[in-house]
């Protein structure tokens, strides 16, 4: 049951973030659920590999390159999901930041 609640909370965070950020579009609730699921899978399996591969760059930039990794994950999700559109680097960056903040707020509420 916890997984399902977390998925719904993340889907709600995706909808709110897409509403707040111009340049990011989500077609509907089902697409938001798929985006939340795919982002969760990518963050679980792909992101740790990217973190290890880019560790020297992340250390040199004092951790700021980690934001670029979030953008890469969002671009990968955009590539695989048809109803999820990201217009560029800055919308993807702001989407990742707003998604993290909104997800944190919703997690603390639920």
C-alpha atoms as a PDB file:
ATOM      1  CA  UNK A   1       0.000   0.000   0.000  1.00  0.00           C
ATOM      2  CA  UNK A   2       2.885   2.370   0.712  1.00  0.00           C
ATOM      3  CA  UNK A   3       4.193   2.081  -2.842  1.00  0.00           C
ATOM      4  CA  UNK A   4       0.806   2.984  -4.309  1.00  0.00           C
ATOM      5  CA  UNK A   5       0.427   6.037  -2.050  1.00  0.00           C
ATOM      6  CA  UNK A   6       3.946   7.201  -2.909  1.00  0.00           C
ATOM      7  CA  UNK A   7       3.216   6.757  -6.616  1.00  0.00           C
ATOM      8  CA  UNK A   8       0.019   8.823  -6.325  1.00  0.00           C
ATOM      9  CA  UNK A   9       1.814  11.535  -4.341  1.00  0.00           C
ATOM     10  CA  UNK A  10       4.577  11.681  -6.962  1.00  0.00           C
ATOM     11  CA  UNK A  11       1.989  11.827  -9.761  1.00  0.00           C
ATOM     12  CA  UNK A  12       0.311  14.740  -7.989  1.00  0.00           C
ATOM     13  CA  UNK A  13       3.717  16.408  -7.676  1.00  0.00           C
ATOM     14  CA  UNK A  14       4.270  15.901 -11.422  1.00  0.00           C
ATOM     15  CA  UNK A  15       0.900  17.502 -12.222  1.00  0.00           C
ATOM     16  CA  UNK A  16       1.543  20.474  -9.924  1.00  0.00           C
ATOM     17  CA  UNK A  17       5.080  20.944 -11.243  1.00  0.00           C
ATOM     18  CA  UNK A  18       3.945  20.765 -14.863  1.00  0.00           C
ATOM     19  CA  UNK A  19       1.242  23.328 -14.101  1.00  0.00           C
ATOM     20  CA  UNK A  20       3.741  25.719 -12.494  1.00  0.00           C
ATOM     21  CA  UNK A  21       6.549  25.420 -15.060  1.00  0.00           C
ATOM     22  CA  UNK A  22       5.983  26.777 -18.573  1.00  0.00           C
ATOM     23  CA  UNK A  23       7.614  24.506 -21.109  1.00  0.00           C
ATOM     24  CA  UNK A  24       6.640  21.271 -19.348  1.00  0.00           C
ATOM     25  CA  UNK A  25       3.476  19.495 -20.390  1.00  0.00           C
ATOM     26  CA  UNK A  26       1.634  16.461 -19.093  1.00  0.00           C
ATOM     27  CA  UNK A  27      -1.388  15.239 -21.056  1.00  0.00           C
ATOM     28  CA  UNK A  28      -3.390  13.864 -18.150  1.00  0.00           C
ATOM     29  CA  UNK A  29      -3.534  12.004 -14.901  1.00  0.00           C
ATOM     30  CA  UNK A  30      -2.617   8.656 -16.444  1.00  0.00           C
ATOM     31  CA  UNK A  31       0.427  10.233 -18.082  1.00  0.00           C
ATOM     32  CA  UNK A  32       1.407  11.787 -14.738  1.00  0.00           C
ATOM     33  CA  UNK A  33       1.198   8.348 -13.116  1.00  0.00           C
ATOM     34  CA  UNK A  34       3.399   6.896 -15.850  1.00  0.00           C
ATOM     35  CA  UNK A  35       5.869   9.797 -15.500  1.00  0.00           C
ATOM     36  CA  UNK A  36       6.029   9.256 -11.738  1.00  0.00           C
ATOM     37  CA  UNK A  37       6.613   5.528 -12.229  1.00  0.00           C
ATOM     38  CA  UNK A  38       9.274   5.991 -14.922  1.00  0.00           C
ATOM     39  CA  UNK A  39      11.070   8.697 -12.915  1.00  0.00           C
ATOM     40  CA  UNK A  40      11.078   6.383  -9.922  1.00  0.00           C
ATOM     41  CA  UNK A  41      12.532   3.539 -11.968  1.00  0.00           C
ATOM     42  CA  UNK A  42      15.143   5.795 -13.577  1.00  0.00           C
ATOM     43  CA  UNK A  43      16.121   7.296 -10.219  1.00  0.00           C
ATOM     44  CA  UNK A  44      16.490   3.805  -8.766  1.00  0.00           C
ATOM     45  CA  UNK A  45      18.496   2.126 -11.518  1.00  0.00           C
ATOM     46  CA  UNK A  46      20.028   4.681 -13.908  1.00  0.00           C
ATOM     47  CA  UNK A  47      20.839   7.624 -11.656  1.00  0.00           C
ATOM     48  CA  UNK A  48      23.268   5.749  -9.348  1.00  0.00           C
ATOM     49  CA  UNK A  49      25.254   4.665 -12.402  1.00  0.00           C
ATOM     50  CA  UNK A  50      25.352   8.237 -13.696  1.00  0.00           C
ATOM     51  CA  UNK A  51      26.384   9.520 -10.256  1.00  0.00           C
ATOM     52  CA  UNK A  52      29.315   7.101 -10.139  1.00  0.00           C
ATOM     53  CA  UNK A  53      30.395   7.880 -13.709  1.00  0.00           C
ATOM     54  CA  UNK A  54      30.261  11.653 -13.169  1.00  0.00           C
ATOM     55  CA  UNK A  55      31.642  11.757  -9.630  1.00  0.00           C
ATOM     56  CA  UNK A  56      34.796  13.743 -10.553  1.00  0.00           C
ATOM     57  CA  UNK A  57      32.724  16.415 -12.334  1.00  0.00           C
ATOM     58  CA  UNK A  58      30.294  16.541  -9.408  1.00  0.00           C
ATOM     59  CA  UNK A  59      33.157  17.031  -6.963  1.00  0.00           C
ATOM     60  CA  UNK A  60      34.741  19.757  -9.115  1.00  0.00           C
ATOM     61  CA  UNK A  61      31.450  21.638  -9.329  1.00  0.00           C
ATOM     62  CA  UNK A  62      30.791  21.181  -5.595  1.00  0.00           C
ATOM     63  CA  UNK A  63      27.690  19.112  -6.271  1.00  0.00           C
ATOM     64  CA  UNK A  64      26.030  21.413  -8.810  1.00  0.00           C
ATOM     65  CA  UNK A  65      26.437  18.824 -11.569  1.00  0.00           C
ATOM     66  CA  UNK A  66      23.943  16.705  -9.652  1.00  0.00           C
ATOM     67  CA  UNK A  67      21.258  19.095 -10.940  1.00  0.00           C
ATOM     68  CA  UNK A  68      22.377  18.300 -14.490  1.00  0.00           C
ATOM     69  CA  UNK A  69      21.944  14.597 -13.703  1.00  0.00           C
ATOM     70  CA  UNK A  70      18.355  15.327 -12.679  1.00  0.00           C
ATOM     71  CA  UNK A  71      17.818  17.068 -16.009  1.00  0.00           C
ATOM     72  CA  UNK A  72      19.267  14.071 -17.860  1.00  0.00           C
ATOM     73  CA  UNK A  73      16.860  11.756 -16.018  1.00  0.00           C
ATOM     74  CA  UNK A  74      13.943  14.019 -16.977  1.00  0.00           C
ATOM     75  CA  UNK A  75      15.080  14.045 -20.621  1.00  0.00           C
ATOM     76  CA  UNK A  76      15.220  10.245 -20.602  1.00  0.00           C
ATOM     77  CA  UNK A  77      11.674  10.132 -19.221  1.00  0.00           C
ATOM     78  CA  UNK A  78      10.591  12.656 -21.862  1.00  0.00           C
ATOM     79  CA  UNK A  79      12.055  10.417 -24.560  1.00  0.00           C
ATOM     80  CA  UNK A  80      10.158   7.329 -23.395  1.00  0.00           C
ATOM     81  CA  UNK A  81       6.784   8.893 -22.511  1.00  0.00           C
ATOM     82  CA  UNK A  82       4.693  10.312 -25.318  1.00  0.00           C
ATOM     83  CA  UNK A  83       2.387  12.583 -23.337  1.00  0.00           C
ATOM     84  CA  UNK A  84       5.189  14.167 -21.325  1.00  0.00           C
ATOM     85  CA  UNK A  85       6.963  17.068 -23.024  1.00  0.00           C
ATOM     86  CA  UNK A  86       9.889  19.172 -21.827  1.00  0.00           C
ATOM     87  CA  UNK A  87      10.794  22.183 -23.980  1.00  0.00           C
ATOM     88  CA  UNK A  88      14.443  22.645 -22.984  1.00  0.00           C
ATOM     89  CA  UNK A  89      17.171  22.577 -20.382  1.00  0.00           C
ATOM     90  CA  UNK A  90      15.854  25.349 -18.123  1.00  0.00           C
ATOM     91  CA  UNK A  91      12.292  24.022 -17.968  1.00  0.00           C
ATOM     92  CA  UNK A  92      13.702  20.579 -17.141  1.00  0.00           C
ATOM     93  CA  UNK A  93      15.942  22.084 -14.461  1.00  0.00           C
ATOM     94  CA  UNK A  94      13.099  24.061 -12.892  1.00  0.00           C
ATOM     95  CA  UNK A  95      10.828  21.010 -13.208  1.00  0.00           C
ATOM     96  CA  UNK A  96      13.298  18.875 -11.268  1.00  0.00           C
ATOM     97  CA  UNK A  97      13.633  21.501  -8.540  1.00  0.00           C
ATOM     98  CA  UNK A  98       9.892  22.139  -8.233  1.00  0.00           C
ATOM     99  CA  UNK A  99       9.180  18.400  -8.397  1.00  0.00           C
ATOM    100  CA  UNK A 100      11.570  17.787  -5.504  1.00  0.00           C
ATOM    101  CA  UNK A 101      10.091  20.596  -3.396  1.00  0.00           C
ATOM    102  CA  UNK A 102       6.461  19.717  -4.133  1.00  0.00           C
ATOM    103  CA  UNK A 103       7.170  16.029  -3.566  1.00  0.00           C
ATOM    104  CA  UNK A 104       8.824  16.823  -0.242  1.00  0.00           C
ATOM    105  CA  UNK A 105       5.840  18.962   0.840  1.00  0.00           C
ATOM    106  CA  UNK A 106       3.306  16.325  -0.239  1.00  0.00           C
ATOM    107  CA  UNK A 107       5.316  13.554   1.461  1.00  0.00           C
ATOM    108  CA  UNK A 108       5.304  15.502   4.694  1.00  0.00           C
ATOM    109  CA  UNK A 109       1.530  16.021   4.429  1.00  0.00           C
ATOM    110  CA  UNK A 110       0.697  12.406   3.613  1.00  0.00           C
END
